[in-house]
Amino acid sequence: MSADCRVSPLAASKRRTALLAAGAAVAALTLSACSSGGTSGGGNNTNFVTNSGGISTVDKGERRDAPKLDGKDLEGKALDLADYKGKVIVLNVWGSWCPPCRAEANYFAKVANETKGKDVQFIGINTRDPQTEPALQFEKDHNIPYPSFYDPSGKLMLRFEKGTLNPQSIPSTLVIDRDGKIAARSLRALSEDKLRKMVDPVIAEK
């Protein structure tokens, strides 16, 4: 072997250290969000504010319409967001392969059951699952009481306009008010308390 191809023990050790550090950084990112949704948000003149809890909200007079979302659920039945007009809608983007999605699922099931009598409808968008079986098992494991769009390629996420409160990661959660406008967004997994802090103010609106 020529001198140019040899790697000293010190150099090899430094390389291993760098790789381990990079791996740790990726692992930390995975815990906070599984992946980017590939859409653009934020920017100038959007009129929304992010508080210290990472939840973005919009004043009632400044909200933008949610896009038309329609398709099939995990069992192949038609599902259309428009069928729930007049209700507060909690829209959660998730995947069965996503650890933060599993961490928040029981909270979503609990709050969905407890707010059902307040004209609140939870709806999921299942994405990046190449088959429906793992997603259906996820719903069974966590006793999810509401339907989910089956959107393996993420096309529904791309219907949200740039510069609005759009879903940009998995998980993402949006709250849509009774007028069909986007009122709040979170781009991270939610505890029961934070989920209620997103939903309750919109429920209280008249």
N, C-alpha and C. Protein backbone atom coordinates (compact mmCIF):
# COMPACT_ATOMS: atom_id res chain seq x y z
N MET A 1 0.86 -1.20 0.00
CA MET A 1 0.00 0.00 0.00
C MET A 1 0.89 1.23 0.00
N SER A 2 0.54 2.25 -0.81
CA SER A 2 1.34 3.46 -0.88
C SER A 2 1.11 4.31 0.35
N ALA A 3 2.04 5.26 0.61
CA ALA A 3 1.92 6.14 1.77
C ALA A 3 0.65 6.97 1.71
N ASP A 4 0.20 7.33 0.47
CA ASP A 4 -0.97 8.18 0.33
C ASP A 4 -2.25 7.49 0.80
N CYS A 5 -2.29 6.16 0.80
CA CYS A 5 -3.50 5.42 1.14
C CYS A 5 -3.57 5.06 2.61
N ARG A 6 -2.45 5.24 3.35
CA ARG A 6 -2.45 4.86 4.75
C ARG A 6 -3.15 5.94 5.59
N VAL A 7 -3.88 5.49 6.64
CA VAL A 7 -4.53 6.41 7.57
C VAL A 7 -3.94 6.18 8.95
N SER A 8 -3.40 7.21 9.56
CA SER A 8 -2.78 7.07 10.87
C SER A 8 -3.83 6.76 11.92
N PRO A 9 -3.44 6.12 13.03
CA PRO A 9 -4.39 5.85 14.10
C PRO A 9 -5.05 7.11 14.64
N LEU A 10 -4.28 8.21 14.72
CA LEU A 10 -4.84 9.46 15.23
C LEU A 10 -5.92 9.99 14.30
N ALA A 11 -5.65 9.95 12.97
CA ALA A 11 -6.64 10.43 12.00
C ALA A 11 -7.89 9.57 12.04
N ALA A 12 -7.70 8.25 12.16
CA ALA A 12 -8.86 7.35 12.21
C ALA A 12 -9.71 7.63 13.44
N SER A 13 -9.03 7.90 14.58
CA SER A 13 -9.76 8.19 15.81
C SER A 13 -10.57 9.47 15.68
N LYS A 14 -9.97 10.51 15.06
CA LYS A 14 -10.67 11.78 14.85
C LYS A 14 -11.89 11.58 13.96
N ARG A 15 -11.73 10.73 12.93
CA ARG A 15 -12.83 10.49 12.00
C ARG A 15 -13.99 9.79 12.71
N ARG A 16 -13.66 8.79 13.55
CA ARG A 16 -14.71 8.09 14.30
C ARG A 16 -15.45 9.05 15.23
N THR A 17 -14.69 9.95 15.88
CA THR A 17 -15.31 10.92 16.78
C THR A 17 -16.26 11.84 16.03
N ALA A 18 -15.85 12.27 14.84
CA ALA A 18 -16.71 13.15 14.04
C ALA A 18 -17.99 12.44 13.61
N LEU A 19 -17.84 11.16 13.21
CA LEU A 19 -19.02 10.39 12.79
C LEU A 19 -19.98 10.18 13.95
N LEU A 20 -19.46 9.90 15.13
CA LEU A 20 -20.31 9.72 16.30
C LEU A 20 -21.05 11.00 16.65
N ALA A 21 -20.37 12.14 16.55
CA ALA A 21 -21.00 13.43 16.84
C ALA A 21 -22.12 13.72 15.84
N ALA A 22 -21.84 13.41 14.57
CA ALA A 22 -22.87 13.64 13.54
C ALA A 22 -24.07 12.74 13.78
N GLY A 23 -23.81 11.48 14.17
CA GLY A 23 -24.90 10.56 14.45
C GLY A 23 -25.76 11.03 15.61
N ALA A 24 -25.12 11.57 16.64
CA ALA A 24 -25.86 12.08 17.80
C ALA A 24 -26.74 13.26 17.42
N ALA A 25 -26.24 14.12 16.54
CA ALA A 25 -27.02 15.28 16.10
C ALA A 25 -28.24 14.83 15.32
N VAL A 26 -28.08 13.82 14.46
CA VAL A 26 -29.21 13.30 13.69
C VAL A 26 -30.24 12.69 14.62
N ALA A 27 -29.76 11.94 15.63
CA ALA A 27 -30.68 11.32 16.58
C ALA A 27 -31.48 12.36 17.34
N ALA A 28 -30.83 13.46 17.73
CA ALA A 28 -31.54 14.52 18.45
C ALA A 28 -32.60 15.15 17.58
N LEU A 29 -32.29 15.35 16.30
CA LEU A 29 -33.27 15.92 15.38
C LEU A 29 -34.45 14.99 15.21
N THR A 30 -34.20 13.69 15.13
CA THR A 30 -35.26 12.72 14.96
C THR A 30 -36.23 12.74 16.13
N LEU A 31 -35.73 12.98 17.34
CA LEU A 31 -36.60 13.02 18.51
C LEU A 31 -37.54 14.20 18.48
N SER A 32 -37.13 15.31 17.86
CA SER A 32 -37.95 16.51 17.86
C SER A 32 -38.93 16.52 16.69
N ALA A 33 -38.57 15.95 15.57
CA ALA A 33 -39.45 15.86 14.42
C ALA A 33 -38.91 14.80 13.47
N CYS A 34 -39.84 14.04 12.89
CA CYS A 34 -39.38 12.92 12.06
C CYS A 34 -38.83 13.37 10.73
N SER A 35 -39.47 14.35 10.10
CA SER A 35 -38.96 14.78 8.80
C SER A 35 -39.62 16.08 8.39
N SER A 36 -39.02 16.71 7.41
CA SER A 36 -39.63 17.90 6.83
C SER A 36 -40.71 17.49 5.86
N GLY A 37 -41.77 18.29 5.82
CA GLY A 37 -42.85 18.01 4.89
C GLY A 37 -42.60 18.55 3.51
N GLY A 38 -41.52 19.30 3.33
CA GLY A 38 -41.18 19.81 2.01
C GLY A 38 -42.00 21.00 1.57
N THR A 39 -42.61 21.71 2.52
CA THR A 39 -43.36 22.90 2.17
C THR A 39 -42.71 24.10 2.81
N SER A 40 -43.08 25.28 2.34
CA SER A 40 -42.48 26.51 2.85
C SER A 40 -43.48 27.28 3.67
N GLY A 41 -43.03 27.86 4.76
CA GLY A 41 -43.90 28.67 5.61
C GLY A 41 -43.13 29.85 6.13
N GLY A 42 -43.77 30.59 7.07
CA GLY A 42 -43.10 31.74 7.65
C GLY A 42 -42.96 32.86 6.64
N GLY A 43 -41.86 33.58 6.74
CA GLY A 43 -41.64 34.67 5.80
C GLY A 43 -42.24 35.96 6.31
N ASN A 44 -42.25 36.99 5.49
CA ASN A 44 -42.70 38.31 5.88
C ASN A 44 -44.20 38.48 5.71
N ASN A 45 -44.78 39.39 6.50
CA ASN A 45 -46.18 39.78 6.37
C ASN A 45 -47.16 38.62 6.47
N THR A 46 -46.87 37.68 7.37
CA THR A 46 -47.75 36.53 7.54
C THR A 46 -48.75 36.74 8.67
N ASN A 47 -48.50 37.72 9.54
CA ASN A 47 -49.42 38.08 10.61
C ASN A 47 -49.65 36.98 11.62
N PHE A 48 -48.71 36.04 11.75
CA PHE A 48 -48.86 35.07 12.83
C PHE A 48 -47.69 35.18 13.78
N VAL A 49 -47.95 34.76 15.01
CA VAL A 49 -46.99 34.91 16.10
C VAL A 49 -46.71 33.55 16.71
N THR A 50 -45.44 33.24 16.97
CA THR A 50 -45.07 32.01 17.64
C THR A 50 -44.72 32.32 19.09
N ASN A 51 -45.41 31.66 20.01
CA ASN A 51 -45.11 31.92 21.41
C ASN A 51 -43.99 31.01 21.87
N SER A 52 -43.66 31.08 23.16
CA SER A 52 -42.52 30.34 23.68
C SER A 52 -42.71 28.84 23.64
N GLY A 53 -43.96 28.39 23.51
CA GLY A 53 -44.22 26.95 23.45
C GLY A 53 -44.11 26.38 22.06
N GLY A 54 -43.75 27.21 21.09
CA GLY A 54 -43.60 26.71 19.73
C GLY A 54 -44.91 26.59 18.97
N ILE A 55 -45.97 27.21 19.48
CA ILE A 55 -47.28 27.16 18.82
C ILE A 55 -47.53 28.50 18.14
N SER A 56 -47.77 28.47 16.85
CA SER A 56 -48.05 29.69 16.09
C SER A 56 -49.56 29.92 16.05
N THR A 57 -49.97 31.16 16.26
CA THR A 57 -51.39 31.49 16.25
C THR A 57 -51.64 32.72 15.37
N VAL A 58 -52.88 32.86 14.93
CA VAL A 58 -53.27 34.00 14.10
C VAL A 58 -54.53 34.62 14.69
N ASP A 59 -54.56 35.95 14.79
CA ASP A 59 -55.77 36.63 15.23
C ASP A 59 -56.91 36.34 14.26
N LYS A 60 -58.12 36.32 14.78
CA LYS A 60 -59.26 35.88 13.99
C LYS A 60 -59.42 36.64 12.68
N GLY A 61 -59.20 37.94 12.70
CA GLY A 61 -59.38 38.73 11.49
C GLY A 61 -58.28 38.60 10.46
N GLU A 62 -57.19 37.92 10.80
CA GLU A 62 -56.04 37.81 9.91
C GLU A 62 -55.84 36.40 9.34
N ARG A 63 -56.73 35.50 9.63
CA ARG A 63 -56.53 34.10 9.24
C ARG A 63 -56.78 33.86 7.76
N ARG A 64 -56.12 32.82 7.25
CA ARG A 64 -56.25 32.41 5.85
C ARG A 64 -57.06 31.13 5.77
N ASP A 65 -57.76 30.94 4.66
CA ASP A 65 -58.56 29.74 4.46
C ASP A 65 -57.70 28.49 4.41
N ALA A 66 -58.18 27.43 5.02
CA ALA A 66 -57.54 26.12 4.83
C ALA A 66 -57.83 25.65 3.42
N PRO A 67 -56.92 24.91 2.80
CA PRO A 67 -57.16 24.43 1.44
C PRO A 67 -58.20 23.33 1.42
N LYS A 68 -58.67 23.02 0.24
CA LYS A 68 -59.57 21.88 0.07
C LYS A 68 -58.77 20.61 0.26
N LEU A 69 -59.19 19.78 1.17
CA LEU A 69 -58.54 18.50 1.42
C LEU A 69 -59.56 17.39 1.25
N ASP A 70 -59.33 16.54 0.28
CA ASP A 70 -60.22 15.41 0.05
C ASP A 70 -59.43 14.23 -0.47
N GLY A 71 -59.96 13.05 -0.29
CA GLY A 71 -59.26 11.84 -0.75
C GLY A 71 -59.88 10.62 -0.12
N LYS A 72 -59.05 9.64 0.23
CA LYS A 72 -59.50 8.38 0.84
C LYS A 72 -58.91 8.24 2.24
N ASP A 73 -59.66 7.55 3.10
CA ASP A 73 -59.11 7.26 4.41
C ASP A 73 -58.32 5.95 4.36
N LEU A 74 -57.87 5.49 5.51
CA LEU A 74 -57.02 4.29 5.55
C LEU A 74 -57.75 3.02 5.15
N GLU A 75 -59.07 3.06 5.13
CA GLU A 75 -59.86 1.91 4.71
C GLU A 75 -60.39 2.05 3.29
N GLY A 76 -59.95 3.12 2.61
CA GLY A 76 -60.36 3.32 1.22
C GLY A 76 -61.68 4.05 1.06
N LYS A 77 -62.24 4.58 2.14
CA LYS A 77 -63.50 5.31 2.06
C LYS A 77 -63.23 6.79 1.79
N ALA A 78 -64.19 7.44 1.12
CA ALA A 78 -64.05 8.86 0.80
C ALA A 78 -63.99 9.69 2.08
N LEU A 79 -63.11 10.69 2.08
CA LEU A 79 -62.96 11.58 3.23
C LEU A 79 -62.76 12.99 2.69
N ASP A 80 -63.54 13.94 3.20
CA ASP A 80 -63.50 15.31 2.70
C ASP A 80 -63.60 16.27 3.89
N LEU A 81 -62.64 17.17 3.99
CA LEU A 81 -62.63 18.14 5.08
C LEU A 81 -63.89 19.01 5.06
N ALA A 82 -64.43 19.25 3.87
CA ALA A 82 -65.60 20.11 3.74
C ALA A 82 -66.83 19.56 4.45
N ASP A 83 -66.86 18.26 4.68
CA ASP A 83 -68.00 17.64 5.36
C ASP A 83 -68.09 18.07 6.83
N TYR A 84 -67.01 18.66 7.35
CA TYR A 84 -66.98 19.05 8.76
C TYR A 84 -67.01 20.57 8.93
N LYS A 85 -67.44 21.28 7.90
CA LYS A 85 -67.53 22.73 7.97
C LYS A 85 -68.45 23.15 9.10
N GLY A 86 -68.08 24.19 9.83
CA GLY A 86 -68.86 24.63 10.98
C GLY A 86 -68.35 24.07 12.29
N LYS A 87 -67.42 23.11 12.22
CA LYS A 87 -66.80 22.56 13.41
C LYS A 87 -65.37 23.07 13.54
N VAL A 88 -64.84 23.03 14.74
CA VAL A 88 -63.41 23.24 14.94
C VAL A 88 -62.72 21.94 14.54
N ILE A 89 -61.73 22.04 13.65
CA ILE A 89 -61.05 20.85 13.15
C ILE A 89 -59.61 20.85 13.63
N VAL A 90 -59.20 19.74 14.20
CA VAL A 90 -57.81 19.54 14.61
C VAL A 90 -57.20 18.56 13.61
N LEU A 91 -56.24 19.05 12.83
CA LEU A 91 -55.65 18.28 11.75
C LEU A 91 -54.23 17.89 12.14
N ASN A 92 -53.99 16.58 12.23
CA ASN A 92 -52.70 16.08 12.69
C ASN A 92 -52.02 15.26 11.60
N VAL A 93 -50.80 15.66 11.22
CA VAL A 93 -50.02 14.93 10.22
C VAL A 93 -49.13 13.94 10.96
N TRP A 94 -49.19 12.65 10.56
CA TRP A 94 -48.47 11.62 11.31
C TRP A 94 -48.05 10.47 10.40
N GLY A 95 -47.17 9.64 10.92
CA GLY A 95 -46.77 8.41 10.25
C GLY A 95 -46.56 7.33 11.29
N SER A 96 -46.86 6.09 10.96
CA SER A 96 -46.71 5.00 11.93
C SER A 96 -45.25 4.76 12.29
N TRP A 97 -44.33 5.19 11.43
CA TRP A 97 -42.90 4.98 11.58
C TRP A 97 -42.24 6.07 12.43
N CYS A 98 -43.01 7.05 12.87
CA CYS A 98 -42.49 8.28 13.48
C CYS A 98 -42.58 8.21 15.01
N PRO A 99 -41.45 8.13 15.73
CA PRO A 99 -41.49 8.04 17.21
C PRO A 99 -42.23 9.19 17.89
N PRO A 100 -42.02 10.47 17.50
CA PRO A 100 -42.79 11.53 18.15
C PRO A 100 -44.30 11.40 17.92
N CYS A 101 -44.69 10.84 16.77
CA CYS A 101 -46.12 10.63 16.51
C CYS A 101 -46.69 9.61 17.49
N ARG A 102 -45.92 8.57 17.76
CA ARG A 102 -46.36 7.57 18.74
C ARG A 102 -46.44 8.19 20.13
N ALA A 103 -45.51 9.10 20.44
CA ALA A 103 -45.48 9.71 21.77
C ALA A 103 -46.72 10.57 22.03
N GLU A 104 -47.27 11.22 20.99
CA GLU A 104 -48.39 12.12 21.19
C GLU A 104 -49.75 11.47 20.93
N ALA A 105 -49.77 10.27 20.35
CA ALA A 105 -51.02 9.67 19.86
C ALA A 105 -52.06 9.48 20.96
N ASN A 106 -51.66 9.00 22.13
CA ASN A 106 -52.63 8.78 23.20
C ASN A 106 -53.27 10.08 23.68
N TYR A 107 -52.49 11.17 23.66
CA TYR A 107 -53.03 12.47 24.04
C TYR A 107 -54.10 12.93 23.04
N PHE A 108 -53.83 12.71 21.76
CA PHE A 108 -54.78 13.11 20.72
C PHE A 108 -56.06 12.30 20.85
N ALA A 109 -55.93 11.00 21.10
CA ALA A 109 -57.12 10.16 21.26
C ALA A 109 -57.96 10.64 22.45
N LYS A 110 -57.30 10.96 23.56
CA LYS A 110 -58.01 11.40 24.76
C LYS A 110 -58.73 12.72 24.53
N VAL A 111 -58.02 13.71 23.99
CA VAL A 111 -58.63 15.03 23.79
C VAL A 111 -59.73 14.96 22.72
N ALA A 112 -59.55 14.13 21.70
CA ALA A 112 -60.59 13.97 20.67
C ALA A 112 -61.88 13.44 21.29
N ASN A 113 -61.77 12.46 22.16
CA ASN A 113 -62.96 11.91 22.82
C ASN A 113 -63.62 12.92 23.74
N GLU A 114 -62.81 13.71 24.45
CA GLU A 114 -63.34 14.63 25.44
C GLU A 114 -63.92 15.91 24.84
N THR A 115 -63.56 16.23 23.60
CA THR A 115 -64.07 17.46 22.97
C THR A 115 -65.12 17.17 21.89
N LYS A 116 -65.44 15.91 21.70
CA LYS A 116 -66.37 15.55 20.63
C LYS A 116 -67.71 16.24 20.78
N GLY A 117 -68.18 16.43 22.01
CA GLY A 117 -69.46 17.08 22.25
C GLY A 117 -69.41 18.59 22.13
N LYS A 118 -68.26 19.14 21.80
CA LYS A 118 -68.11 20.59 21.66
C LYS A 118 -67.96 21.00 20.20
N ASP A 119 -68.47 20.18 19.30
CA ASP A 119 -68.36 20.43 17.86
C ASP A 119 -66.91 20.53 17.40
N VAL A 120 -66.10 19.60 17.88
CA VAL A 120 -64.70 19.50 17.48
C VAL A 120 -64.50 18.19 16.75
N GLN A 121 -63.82 18.22 15.62
CA GLN A 121 -63.53 17.02 14.84
C GLN A 121 -62.03 16.91 14.62
N PHE A 122 -61.46 15.83 15.11
CA PHE A 122 -60.06 15.52 14.82
C PHE A 122 -59.99 14.74 13.51
N ILE A 123 -58.99 15.05 12.70
CA ILE A 123 -58.74 14.32 11.44
C ILE A 123 -57.23 14.18 11.28
N GLY A 124 -56.78 13.02 10.89
CA GLY A 124 -55.36 12.81 10.64
C GLY A 124 -55.02 12.86 9.17
N ILE A 125 -53.75 13.11 8.90
CA ILE A 125 -53.19 12.90 7.56
C ILE A 125 -52.03 11.93 7.74
N ASN A 126 -52.24 10.69 7.36
CA ASN A 126 -51.18 9.70 7.44
C ASN A 126 -50.31 9.80 6.20
N THR A 127 -49.01 9.97 6.39
CA THR A 127 -48.12 10.16 5.25
C THR A 127 -46.84 9.35 5.39
N ARG A 128 -46.22 9.05 4.25
CA ARG A 128 -44.96 8.30 4.15
C ARG A 128 -45.07 6.84 4.59
N ASP A 129 -46.29 6.35 4.78
CA ASP A 129 -46.49 4.92 5.01
C ASP A 129 -46.80 4.29 3.66
N PRO A 130 -45.92 3.41 3.12
CA PRO A 130 -46.15 2.86 1.78
C PRO A 130 -47.34 1.90 1.70
N GLN A 131 -47.73 1.32 2.83
CA GLN A 131 -48.94 0.50 2.90
C GLN A 131 -49.79 0.97 4.06
N THR A 132 -51.08 0.64 4.01
CA THR A 132 -51.99 1.09 5.06
C THR A 132 -51.94 0.22 6.31
N GLU A 133 -51.46 -1.02 6.19
CA GLU A 133 -51.51 -1.94 7.34
C GLU A 133 -50.81 -1.40 8.59
N PRO A 134 -49.57 -0.88 8.48
CA PRO A 134 -48.94 -0.33 9.69
C PRO A 134 -49.71 0.85 10.28
N ALA A 135 -50.29 1.67 9.42
CA ALA A 135 -51.05 2.82 9.90
C ALA A 135 -52.33 2.38 10.62
N LEU A 136 -53.01 1.38 10.08
CA LEU A 136 -54.21 0.85 10.73
C LEU A 136 -53.87 0.23 12.08
N GLN A 137 -52.72 -0.46 12.15
CA GLN A 137 -52.30 -1.05 13.41
C GLN A 137 -51.96 0.04 14.43
N PHE A 138 -51.35 1.12 13.96
CA PHE A 138 -51.05 2.29 14.81
C PHE A 138 -52.34 2.82 15.43
N GLU A 139 -53.37 2.99 14.60
CA GLU A 139 -54.64 3.50 15.11
C GLU A 139 -55.25 2.55 16.14
N LYS A 140 -55.13 1.27 15.88
CA LYS A 140 -55.67 0.27 16.81
C LYS A 140 -54.90 0.30 18.14
N ASP A 141 -53.58 0.37 18.06
CA ASP A 141 -52.74 0.37 19.27
C ASP A 141 -53.03 1.56 20.17
N HIS A 142 -53.36 2.70 19.56
CA HIS A 142 -53.55 3.94 20.33
C HIS A 142 -55.02 4.33 20.47
N ASN A 143 -55.92 3.45 20.03
CA ASN A 143 -57.37 3.70 20.16
C ASN A 143 -57.78 5.04 19.54
N ILE A 144 -57.29 5.29 18.35
CA ILE A 144 -57.60 6.55 17.66
C ILE A 144 -59.06 6.53 17.22
N PRO A 145 -59.87 7.49 17.66
CA PRO A 145 -61.31 7.45 17.37
C PRO A 145 -61.74 8.25 16.15
N TYR A 146 -60.81 8.77 15.38
CA TYR A 146 -61.16 9.64 14.26
C TYR A 146 -60.48 9.17 12.98
N PRO A 147 -60.98 9.59 11.81
CA PRO A 147 -60.42 9.12 10.53
C PRO A 147 -59.13 9.85 10.16
N SER A 148 -58.39 9.24 9.25
CA SER A 148 -57.18 9.87 8.70
C SER A 148 -57.17 9.71 7.20
N PHE A 149 -56.78 10.79 6.51
CA PHE A 149 -56.48 10.68 5.09
C PHE A 149 -55.28 9.76 4.91
N TYR A 150 -55.32 8.95 3.86
CA TYR A 150 -54.12 8.18 3.50
C TYR A 150 -53.42 8.94 2.39
N ASP A 151 -52.24 9.48 2.72
CA ASP A 151 -51.52 10.38 1.81
C ASP A 151 -50.04 9.99 1.78
N PRO A 152 -49.71 8.83 1.22
CA PRO A 152 -48.34 8.32 1.33
C PRO A 152 -47.27 9.21 0.71
N SER A 153 -47.61 9.99 -0.30
CA SER A 153 -46.62 10.83 -0.97
C SER A 153 -46.61 12.27 -0.47
N GLY A 154 -47.50 12.62 0.45
CA GLY A 154 -47.52 13.97 1.01
C GLY A 154 -48.16 15.02 0.12
N LYS A 155 -49.00 14.61 -0.83
CA LYS A 155 -49.60 15.58 -1.75
C LYS A 155 -50.54 16.55 -1.05
N LEU A 156 -51.25 16.08 -0.04
CA LEU A 156 -52.18 16.98 0.65
C LEU A 156 -51.46 18.11 1.36
N MET A 157 -50.28 17.83 1.88
CA MET A 157 -49.50 18.86 2.57
C MET A 157 -49.11 19.98 1.61
N LEU A 158 -48.94 19.65 0.36
CA LEU A 158 -48.53 20.64 -0.64
C LEU A 158 -49.67 21.55 -1.09
N ARG A 159 -50.89 21.27 -0.65
CA ARG A 159 -52.02 22.13 -1.01
C ARG A 159 -52.07 23.41 -0.17
N PHE A 160 -51.31 23.44 0.92
CA PHE A 160 -51.29 24.63 1.75
C PHE A 160 -50.42 25.70 1.10
N GLU A 161 -50.90 26.94 1.11
CA GLU A 161 -50.17 28.04 0.48
C GLU A 161 -48.88 28.35 1.22
N LYS A 162 -47.87 28.75 0.47
CA LYS A 162 -46.62 29.21 1.07
C LYS A 162 -46.88 30.49 1.86
N GLY A 163 -46.13 30.63 2.96
CA GLY A 163 -46.28 31.82 3.77
C GLY A 163 -47.45 31.79 4.71
N THR A 164 -48.15 30.65 4.81
CA THR A 164 -49.24 30.51 5.75
C THR A 164 -48.85 29.51 6.83
N LEU A 165 -49.76 29.27 7.75
CA LEU A 165 -49.52 28.25 8.77
C LEU A 165 -49.72 26.88 8.12
N ASN A 166 -48.70 26.40 7.43
CA ASN A 166 -48.80 25.12 6.74
C ASN A 166 -48.00 24.05 7.48
N PRO A 167 -48.33 22.78 7.27
CA PRO A 167 -47.55 21.71 7.90
C PRO A 167 -46.21 21.55 7.22
N GLN A 168 -45.13 21.59 8.00
CA GLN A 168 -43.79 21.52 7.43
C GLN A 168 -42.96 20.36 7.97
N SER A 169 -43.52 19.60 8.89
CA SER A 169 -42.78 18.49 9.47
C SER A 169 -43.75 17.41 9.89
N ILE A 170 -43.22 16.28 10.27
CA ILE A 170 -44.02 15.17 10.77
C ILE A 170 -43.50 14.84 12.16
N PRO A 171 -44.32 15.05 13.21
CA PRO A 171 -45.72 15.48 13.16
C PRO A 171 -45.88 17.00 13.04
N SER A 172 -47.03 17.38 12.52
CA SER A 172 -47.51 18.76 12.54
C SER A 172 -48.98 18.73 12.96
N THR A 173 -49.42 19.79 13.62
CA THR A 173 -50.83 19.89 14.00
C THR A 173 -51.35 21.27 13.67
N LEU A 174 -52.52 21.33 13.04
CA LEU A 174 -53.19 22.58 12.72
C LEU A 174 -54.56 22.59 13.39
N VAL A 175 -54.99 23.77 13.82
CA VAL A 175 -56.36 23.95 14.30
C VAL A 175 -57.06 24.88 13.33
N ILE A 176 -58.19 24.42 12.79
CA ILE A 176 -58.98 25.17 11.82
C ILE A 176 -60.27 25.62 12.50
N ASP A 177 -60.58 26.90 12.41
CA ASP A 177 -61.75 27.42 13.13
C ASP A 177 -63.05 27.07 12.42
N ARG A 178 -64.16 27.50 13.01
CA ARG A 178 -65.48 27.14 12.48
C ARG A 178 -65.76 27.75 11.11
N ASP A 179 -64.99 28.76 10.74
CA ASP A 179 -65.15 29.39 9.42
C ASP A 179 -64.21 28.78 8.38
N GLY A 180 -63.53 27.72 8.75
CA GLY A 180 -62.64 27.04 7.79
C GLY A 180 -61.30 27.72 7.61
N LYS A 181 -60.89 28.53 8.60
CA LYS A 181 -59.63 29.26 8.52
C LYS A 181 -58.62 28.71 9.53
N ILE A 182 -57.34 28.76 9.18
CA ILE A 182 -56.29 28.19 10.02
C ILE A 182 -55.98 29.13 11.17
N ALA A 183 -56.19 28.64 12.39
CA ALA A 183 -56.05 29.47 13.58
C ALA A 183 -54.74 29.25 14.32
N ALA A 184 -54.19 28.03 14.26
CA ALA A 184 -52.99 27.72 15.04
C ALA A 184 -52.24 26.56 14.40
N ARG A 185 -50.94 26.49 14.72
CA ARG A 185 -50.11 25.41 14.18
C ARG A 185 -48.98 25.07 15.16
N SER A 186 -48.66 23.79 15.23
CA SER A 186 -47.47 23.33 15.94
C SER A 186 -46.69 22.41 15.01
N LEU A 187 -45.37 22.51 15.04
CA LEU A 187 -44.51 21.68 14.19
C LEU A 187 -43.73 20.67 15.02
N ARG A 188 -44.28 20.30 16.16
CA ARG A 188 -43.60 19.32 17.02
C ARG A 188 -44.66 18.47 17.72
N ALA A 189 -44.20 17.37 18.32
CA ALA A 189 -45.12 16.53 19.08
C ALA A 189 -45.67 17.32 20.27
N LEU A 190 -46.94 17.06 20.60
CA LEU A 190 -47.62 17.83 21.64
C LEU A 190 -47.97 16.97 22.84
N SER A 191 -47.85 17.56 24.01
CA SER A 191 -48.38 16.94 25.23
C SER A 191 -49.88 17.22 25.27
N GLU A 192 -50.58 16.58 26.20
CA GLU A 192 -52.01 16.84 26.34
C GLU A 192 -52.25 18.31 26.68
N ASP A 193 -51.44 18.86 27.56
CA ASP A 193 -51.61 20.25 27.98
C ASP A 193 -51.43 21.22 26.81
N LYS A 194 -50.40 21.02 26.01
CA LYS A 194 -50.16 21.93 24.88
C LYS A 194 -51.23 21.77 23.81
N LEU A 195 -51.69 20.55 23.61
CA LEU A 195 -52.77 20.34 22.64
C LEU A 195 -54.02 21.10 23.06
N ARG A 196 -54.36 21.03 24.33
CA ARG A 196 -55.54 21.75 24.83
C ARG A 196 -55.35 23.27 24.71
N LYS A 197 -54.13 23.75 24.94
CA LYS A 197 -53.87 25.18 24.82
C LYS A 197 -54.02 25.66 23.38
N MET A 198 -53.83 24.77 22.42
CA MET A 198 -54.07 25.11 21.02
C MET A 198 -55.55 25.12 20.69
N VAL A 199 -56.27 24.13 21.20
CA VAL A 199 -57.64 23.89 20.77
C VAL A 199 -58.66 24.73 21.57
N ASP A 200 -58.48 24.82 22.88
CA ASP A 200 -59.50 25.44 23.73
C ASP A 200 -59.84 26.88 23.36
N PRO A 201 -58.85 27.75 23.04
CA PRO A 201 -59.21 29.11 22.66
C PRO A 201 -60.07 29.18 21.40
N VAL A 202 -59.85 28.27 20.46
CA VAL A 202 -60.64 28.27 19.22
C VAL A 202 -62.04 27.75 19.51
N ILE A 203 -62.16 26.76 20.39
CA ILE A 203 -63.49 26.29 20.79
C ILE A 203 -64.29 27.42 21.44
N ALA A 204 -63.61 28.26 22.22
CA ALA A 204 -64.29 29.32 22.98
C ALA A 204 -64.74 30.48 22.10
N GLU A 205 -64.25 30.56 20.87
CA GLU A 205 -64.60 31.66 19.99
C GLU A 205 -66.08 31.60 19.60
N LYS A 206 -66.68 32.76 19.45
CA LYS A 206 -68.08 32.86 19.04
C LYS A 206 -68.19 33.46 17.65
